[in-house]
N, C-alpha and C. Protein backbone atom coordinates (compact mmCIF):
# COMPACT_ATOMS: atom_id res chain seq x y z
N MET A 1 0.85 -1.18 0.00
CA MET A 1 0.00 0.00 0.00
C MET A 1 0.89 1.25 0.00
N SER A 2 0.43 2.25 -0.72
CA SER A 2 1.15 3.52 -0.78
C SER A 2 0.28 4.62 -0.20
N ALA A 3 0.92 5.62 0.36
CA ALA A 3 0.21 6.76 0.96
C ALA A 3 -0.07 7.80 -0.12
N TYR A 4 -1.29 8.32 -0.11
CA TYR A 4 -1.74 9.37 -1.03
C TYR A 4 -2.41 10.46 -0.22
N ARG A 5 -2.57 11.63 -0.85
CA ARG A 5 -3.30 12.72 -0.22
C ARG A 5 -4.13 13.40 -1.30
N LEU A 6 -5.41 13.61 -0.98
CA LEU A 6 -6.32 14.32 -1.86
C LEU A 6 -6.50 15.72 -1.30
N TYR A 7 -6.15 16.73 -2.10
CA TYR A 7 -6.32 18.13 -1.70
C TYR A 7 -7.53 18.70 -2.42
N LEU A 8 -8.51 19.19 -1.69
CA LEU A 8 -9.68 19.85 -2.27
C LEU A 8 -9.30 21.30 -2.57
N VAL A 9 -9.78 21.82 -3.69
CA VAL A 9 -9.42 23.16 -4.16
C VAL A 9 -10.70 24.00 -4.22
N ASP A 10 -10.65 25.21 -3.63
CA ASP A 10 -11.84 26.08 -3.64
C ASP A 10 -11.92 26.86 -4.95
N ALA A 11 -12.97 27.66 -5.11
CA ALA A 11 -13.22 28.41 -6.34
C ALA A 11 -12.11 29.40 -6.66
N ALA A 12 -11.37 29.84 -5.64
CA ALA A 12 -10.26 30.77 -5.85
C ALA A 12 -8.95 30.05 -6.18
N GLY A 13 -8.99 28.71 -6.24
CA GLY A 13 -7.79 27.95 -6.57
C GLY A 13 -6.90 27.64 -5.38
N ARG A 14 -7.40 27.86 -4.16
CA ARG A 14 -6.62 27.59 -2.94
C ARG A 14 -7.01 26.25 -2.37
N PHE A 15 -6.07 25.60 -1.70
CA PHE A 15 -6.38 24.34 -1.03
C PHE A 15 -7.37 24.61 0.10
N ALA A 16 -8.45 23.82 0.13
CA ALA A 16 -9.52 24.03 1.10
C ALA A 16 -9.63 22.88 2.10
N GLY A 17 -8.78 21.89 1.98
CA GLY A 17 -8.81 20.75 2.88
C GLY A 17 -8.09 19.58 2.23
N SER A 18 -7.84 18.55 3.02
CA SER A 18 -7.16 17.39 2.46
C SER A 18 -7.55 16.13 3.23
N ASP A 19 -7.38 15.01 2.56
CA ASP A 19 -7.62 13.70 3.15
C ASP A 19 -6.44 12.80 2.80
N ALA A 20 -5.86 12.17 3.80
CA ALA A 20 -4.79 11.20 3.58
C ALA A 20 -5.40 9.81 3.56
N PHE A 21 -4.88 8.96 2.69
CA PHE A 21 -5.38 7.59 2.59
C PHE A 21 -4.32 6.71 1.95
N GLU A 22 -4.54 5.41 1.95
CA GLU A 22 -3.62 4.47 1.31
C GLU A 22 -4.35 3.73 0.21
N ALA A 23 -3.61 3.39 -0.84
CA ALA A 23 -4.17 2.64 -1.96
C ALA A 23 -3.08 1.74 -2.53
N GLU A 24 -3.51 0.71 -3.24
CA GLU A 24 -2.57 -0.24 -3.85
C GLU A 24 -1.80 0.39 -5.01
N ASN A 25 -2.45 1.29 -5.77
CA ASN A 25 -1.81 1.87 -6.95
C ASN A 25 -2.54 3.17 -7.32
N ASP A 26 -2.05 3.83 -8.37
CA ASP A 26 -2.63 5.11 -8.79
C ASP A 26 -4.09 4.97 -9.20
N ARG A 27 -4.41 3.93 -9.91
CA ARG A 27 -5.80 3.75 -10.38
C ARG A 27 -6.76 3.62 -9.20
N GLU A 28 -6.39 2.84 -8.21
CA GLU A 28 -7.22 2.69 -7.03
C GLU A 28 -7.34 4.02 -6.28
N ALA A 29 -6.24 4.74 -6.19
CA ALA A 29 -6.24 6.04 -5.52
C ALA A 29 -7.14 7.03 -6.27
N MET A 30 -7.09 7.02 -7.59
CA MET A 30 -7.92 7.93 -8.38
C MET A 30 -9.40 7.60 -8.21
N ALA A 31 -9.74 6.32 -8.15
CA ALA A 31 -11.14 5.93 -7.95
C ALA A 31 -11.63 6.38 -6.58
N TRP A 32 -10.80 6.21 -5.56
CA TRP A 32 -11.17 6.64 -4.20
C TRP A 32 -11.36 8.15 -4.18
N ALA A 33 -10.41 8.86 -4.78
CA ALA A 33 -10.46 10.32 -4.79
C ALA A 33 -11.71 10.83 -5.53
N GLU A 34 -12.03 10.22 -6.65
CA GLU A 34 -13.22 10.62 -7.42
C GLU A 34 -14.47 10.48 -6.56
N ALA A 35 -14.57 9.42 -5.81
CA ALA A 35 -15.74 9.19 -4.96
C ALA A 35 -15.81 10.18 -3.80
N GLN A 36 -14.67 10.58 -3.27
CA GLN A 36 -14.63 11.45 -2.09
C GLN A 36 -14.80 12.92 -2.41
N ARG A 37 -14.40 13.37 -3.57
CA ARG A 37 -14.36 14.81 -3.86
C ARG A 37 -15.73 15.42 -4.13
N GLU A 38 -16.73 14.60 -4.41
CA GLU A 38 -18.11 15.07 -4.59
C GLU A 38 -18.21 16.23 -5.58
N GLY A 39 -17.50 16.13 -6.68
CA GLY A 39 -17.58 17.14 -7.73
C GLY A 39 -16.72 18.36 -7.52
N GLN A 40 -16.05 18.46 -6.40
CA GLN A 40 -15.19 19.62 -6.11
C GLN A 40 -13.86 19.44 -6.84
N ALA A 41 -13.28 20.54 -7.29
CA ALA A 41 -11.95 20.50 -7.87
C ALA A 41 -10.98 19.96 -6.82
N ALA A 42 -10.00 19.18 -7.28
CA ALA A 42 -9.07 18.56 -6.34
C ALA A 42 -7.79 18.17 -7.04
N GLU A 43 -6.75 17.92 -6.24
CA GLU A 43 -5.48 17.40 -6.73
C GLU A 43 -5.14 16.17 -5.91
N LEU A 44 -4.64 15.15 -6.59
CA LEU A 44 -4.23 13.91 -5.95
C LEU A 44 -2.71 13.83 -5.98
N TRP A 45 -2.12 13.61 -4.81
CA TRP A 45 -0.66 13.55 -4.68
C TRP A 45 -0.23 12.27 -3.98
N GLN A 46 0.95 11.79 -4.35
CA GLN A 46 1.63 10.72 -3.62
C GLN A 46 3.00 11.29 -3.26
N ALA A 47 3.16 11.62 -2.00
CA ALA A 47 4.37 12.32 -1.52
C ALA A 47 4.54 13.61 -2.34
N ASP A 48 5.66 13.78 -3.03
CA ASP A 48 5.89 15.00 -3.81
C ASP A 48 5.54 14.83 -5.29
N ARG A 49 4.84 13.75 -5.63
CA ARG A 49 4.46 13.46 -7.01
C ARG A 49 2.96 13.75 -7.21
N GLN A 50 2.67 14.69 -8.09
CA GLN A 50 1.27 14.98 -8.41
C GLN A 50 0.78 13.89 -9.36
N VAL A 51 -0.31 13.21 -8.96
CA VAL A 51 -0.83 12.09 -9.72
C VAL A 51 -1.89 12.54 -10.71
N TRP A 52 -2.82 13.41 -10.27
CA TRP A 52 -3.94 13.79 -11.13
C TRP A 52 -4.55 15.11 -10.65
N ILE A 53 -5.14 15.84 -11.60
CA ILE A 53 -5.90 17.05 -11.29
C ILE A 53 -7.34 16.79 -11.71
N PHE A 54 -8.27 16.98 -10.80
CA PHE A 54 -9.69 16.81 -11.06
C PHE A 54 -10.33 18.18 -11.26
N ASP A 55 -11.06 18.35 -12.34
CA ASP A 55 -11.84 19.58 -12.53
C ASP A 55 -12.98 19.60 -11.53
N GLY A 56 -13.57 20.75 -11.35
CA GLY A 56 -14.69 20.89 -10.43
C GLY A 56 -16.01 20.43 -11.01
N GLU A 57 -16.04 19.22 -11.53
CA GLU A 57 -17.24 18.62 -12.08
C GLU A 57 -17.31 17.18 -11.60
N PRO A 58 -18.49 16.60 -11.50
CA PRO A 58 -18.59 15.23 -11.02
C PRO A 58 -18.17 14.18 -12.03
N ALA A 59 -17.81 14.59 -13.22
CA ALA A 59 -17.39 13.63 -14.25
C ALA A 59 -16.02 13.04 -13.89
N ALA A 60 -15.58 12.12 -14.71
CA ALA A 60 -14.28 11.47 -14.51
C ALA A 60 -13.17 12.51 -14.57
N PRO A 61 -11.99 12.19 -14.02
CA PRO A 61 -10.86 13.11 -14.07
C PRO A 61 -10.60 13.57 -15.50
N SER A 62 -10.25 14.83 -15.66
CA SER A 62 -10.11 15.34 -17.02
C SER A 62 -8.75 15.93 -17.35
N LYS A 63 -7.87 16.11 -16.38
CA LYS A 63 -6.57 16.70 -16.66
C LYS A 63 -5.46 15.86 -16.04
N PRO A 64 -4.84 15.00 -16.81
CA PRO A 64 -3.71 14.26 -16.23
C PRO A 64 -2.53 15.20 -16.00
N PHE A 65 -1.75 14.91 -14.97
CA PHE A 65 -0.56 15.72 -14.69
C PHE A 65 0.41 15.61 -15.86
N ARG A 66 0.57 14.40 -16.35
CA ARG A 66 1.39 14.17 -17.54
C ARG A 66 0.54 13.36 -18.50
N ASP A 67 0.80 13.49 -19.76
CA ASP A 67 0.08 12.73 -20.77
C ASP A 67 0.19 11.24 -20.45
N ALA A 68 -0.93 10.56 -20.48
CA ALA A 68 -0.97 9.14 -20.15
C ALA A 68 -0.04 8.32 -21.06
N GLU A 69 0.21 8.79 -22.25
CA GLU A 69 1.13 8.08 -23.15
C GLU A 69 2.58 8.14 -22.65
N GLU A 70 2.90 9.16 -21.85
CA GLU A 70 4.26 9.34 -21.37
C GLU A 70 4.61 8.44 -20.21
N ARG A 71 3.60 8.01 -19.48
CA ARG A 71 3.87 7.15 -18.33
C ARG A 71 2.71 6.20 -18.10
N LYS A 72 3.01 5.08 -17.54
CA LYS A 72 1.98 4.13 -17.19
C LYS A 72 1.50 4.43 -15.78
N LEU A 73 0.20 4.24 -15.55
CA LEU A 73 -0.30 4.31 -14.19
C LEU A 73 0.00 2.98 -13.53
N ASN A 74 0.30 3.01 -12.25
CA ASN A 74 0.60 1.76 -11.55
C ASN A 74 -0.55 0.81 -11.63
């Protein structure tokens, strides 16, 4: 298991809170984060590595930190 942190982002682009959790891999962490953020903009981090940026919509994540072709998700 790896440690992750989900940072919620307010309308002004500032961090408004965070949740620490553990997941087996990036995909599992992204699924957990999507369920927890309730449509709020958020950033998912693993230590100093930004994993994903979620737009402020309830849809699936829309902005990868890096192009998915450049790296594999765990």
